[in-house]
Protein backbone atom coordinates (compact mmCIF):
# COMPACT_ATOMS: atom_id res chain seq x y z
CA UNK A 1 57.28 31.19 82.06
CA UNK A 2 53.63 30.72 81.03
CA UNK A 3 52.39 29.05 78.10
CA UNK A 4 52.22 32.62 76.14
CA UNK A 5 55.91 33.78 77.10
CA UNK A 6 57.02 30.14 75.78
CA UNK A 7 55.14 30.71 72.58
CA UNK A 8 56.43 34.24 72.64
CA UNK A 9 59.80 32.72 73.21
CA UNK A 10 59.77 30.07 70.11
CA UNK A 11 58.52 33.07 67.65
CA UNK A 12 61.55 35.01 69.05
CA UNK A 13 64.19 32.67 68.73
CA UNK A 14 63.08 32.15 65.45
CA UNK A 15 63.46 35.31 64.29
CA UNK A 16 60.13 36.25 63.33
CA UNK A 17 57.39 38.67 63.57
CA UNK A 18 54.28 38.18 64.88
CA UNK A 19 52.33 38.18 61.21
CA UNK A 20 54.81 36.04 59.62
CA UNK A 21 54.74 33.53 63.19
CA UNK A 22 51.11 33.48 63.33
CA UNK A 23 51.06 32.72 59.13
CA UNK A 24 53.01 29.78 59.68
CA UNK A 25 51.01 27.76 63.23
CA UNK A 26 47.61 28.95 61.66
CA UNK A 27 45.74 31.50 63.82
CA UNK A 28 45.17 35.05 63.09
CA UNK A 29 47.90 37.80 64.32
CA UNK A 30 45.20 38.95 66.88
CA UNK A 31 45.43 35.91 68.39
CA UNK A 32 48.57 35.32 68.17
CA UNK A 33 48.81 38.47 70.34
CA UNK A 34 46.34 37.42 72.63
CA UNK A 35 48.03 33.79 73.08
CA UNK A 36 51.16 35.28 73.74
CA UNK A 37 49.77 37.96 76.24
CA UNK A 38 47.54 35.14 78.29
CA UNK A 39 44.33 36.60 77.38
CA UNK A 40 43.32 33.21 76.09
CA UNK A 41 45.10 29.71 75.48
CA UNK A 42 46.32 28.26 71.65
CA UNK A 43 43.67 26.15 70.50
CA UNK A 44 45.09 21.64 70.08
CA UNK A 45 45.65 22.47 66.12
CA UNK A 46 47.70 25.66 67.37
CA UNK A 47 49.64 23.61 69.90
CA UNK A 48 49.71 21.36 67.29
CA UNK A 49 51.24 23.33 64.45
CA UNK A 50 53.76 24.64 66.79
CA UNK A 51 55.49 21.05 67.75
CA UNK A 52 55.17 20.09 64.09
CA UNK A 53 56.71 23.50 62.66
CA UNK A 54 59.16 24.66 65.19
CA UNK A 55 60.18 21.07 66.80
CA UNK A 56 58.61 22.24 70.19
CA UNK A 57 58.96 19.79 73.16
CA UNK A 58 55.42 19.48 74.41
CA UNK A 59 56.59 18.91 77.79
CA UNK A 60 58.54 22.14 77.99
CA UNK A 61 55.32 23.56 76.03
CA UNK A 62 52.71 22.51 78.42
CA UNK A 63 53.89 23.16 81.91
CA UNK A 64 54.47 26.15 83.81
CA UNK A 65 56.95 24.79 86.40
CA UNK A 66 60.93 27.04 85.83
CA UNK A 67 63.19 26.36 88.01
CA UNK A 68 64.29 30.33 88.97
CA UNK A 69 61.13 32.86 88.51
CA UNK A 70 63.57 35.61 87.56
CA UNK A 71 64.34 33.79 84.42
CA UNK A 72 60.81 34.14 83.24
CA UNK A 73 61.39 37.90 83.53
CA UNK A 74 64.95 37.69 81.61
CA UNK A 75 64.30 38.85 78.07
CA UNK A 76 67.11 37.30 76.14
CA UNK A 77 69.34 39.28 73.35
CA UNK A 78 68.93 38.21 69.35
CA UNK A 79 73.05 36.89 70.02
CA UNK A 80 71.17 34.52 72.89
CA UNK A 81 68.79 33.51 71.13
CA UNK A 82 70.74 32.17 67.94
CA UNK A 83 72.67 30.38 70.73
CA UNK A 84 70.22 28.62 72.03
CA UNK A 85 69.31 27.91 68.80
CA UNK A 86 73.17 26.70 68.22
CA UNK A 87 73.34 24.36 71.19
CA UNK A 88 70.23 22.70 70.92
CA UNK A 89 71.54 21.71 67.12
CA UNK A 90 74.32 20.06 69.02
CA UNK A 91 74.66 16.14 69.95
CA UNK A 92 74.65 15.82 73.18
CA UNK A 93 78.25 15.09 73.79
CA UNK A 94 78.95 18.38 71.97
CA UNK A 95 76.62 20.22 74.67
CA UNK A 96 78.71 18.60 77.58
CA UNK A 97 81.86 19.94 76.01
CA UNK A 98 81.03 23.38 75.69
CA UNK A 99 79.69 23.03 79.14
CA UNK A 100 82.78 21.99 80.21
CA UNK A 101 84.12 24.80 78.36
CA UNK A 102 81.63 27.26 79.50
CA UNK A 103 82.78 26.36 83.53
CA UNK A 104 86.48 26.91 83.10
CA UNK A 105 85.79 30.21 81.50
CA UNK A 106 83.45 31.34 84.45
CA UNK A 107 86.29 29.85 86.63
CA UNK A 108 89.06 32.30 85.27
CA UNK A 109 86.18 35.23 85.25
CA UNK A 110 85.76 34.69 89.06
CA UNK A 111 89.11 34.18 90.03
CA UNK A 112 91.98 35.21 87.66
């Protein structure tokens, strides 16, 4: 996932349109569109705004490395964005418990 895709991911996961999001990070809607499409890179001020207003991990935001390139092409639904936001807000122990529950559910589906 490239930087522009990550900016779009942050915007969509916060359920904001380009106009609302651009106001929050202090850029024009046209500039935001260019950033999301990879036409230009965000300024240091914009990256700082993303970090402070949306609690972005700068290592994630600025790294282009992904484990599975097919995941970059995957479009998430509104419900999936809500699930991810919910998971992010959980304490580590709760995330681990949730992961174990998911593994059990997947095994039941695979081996009914």
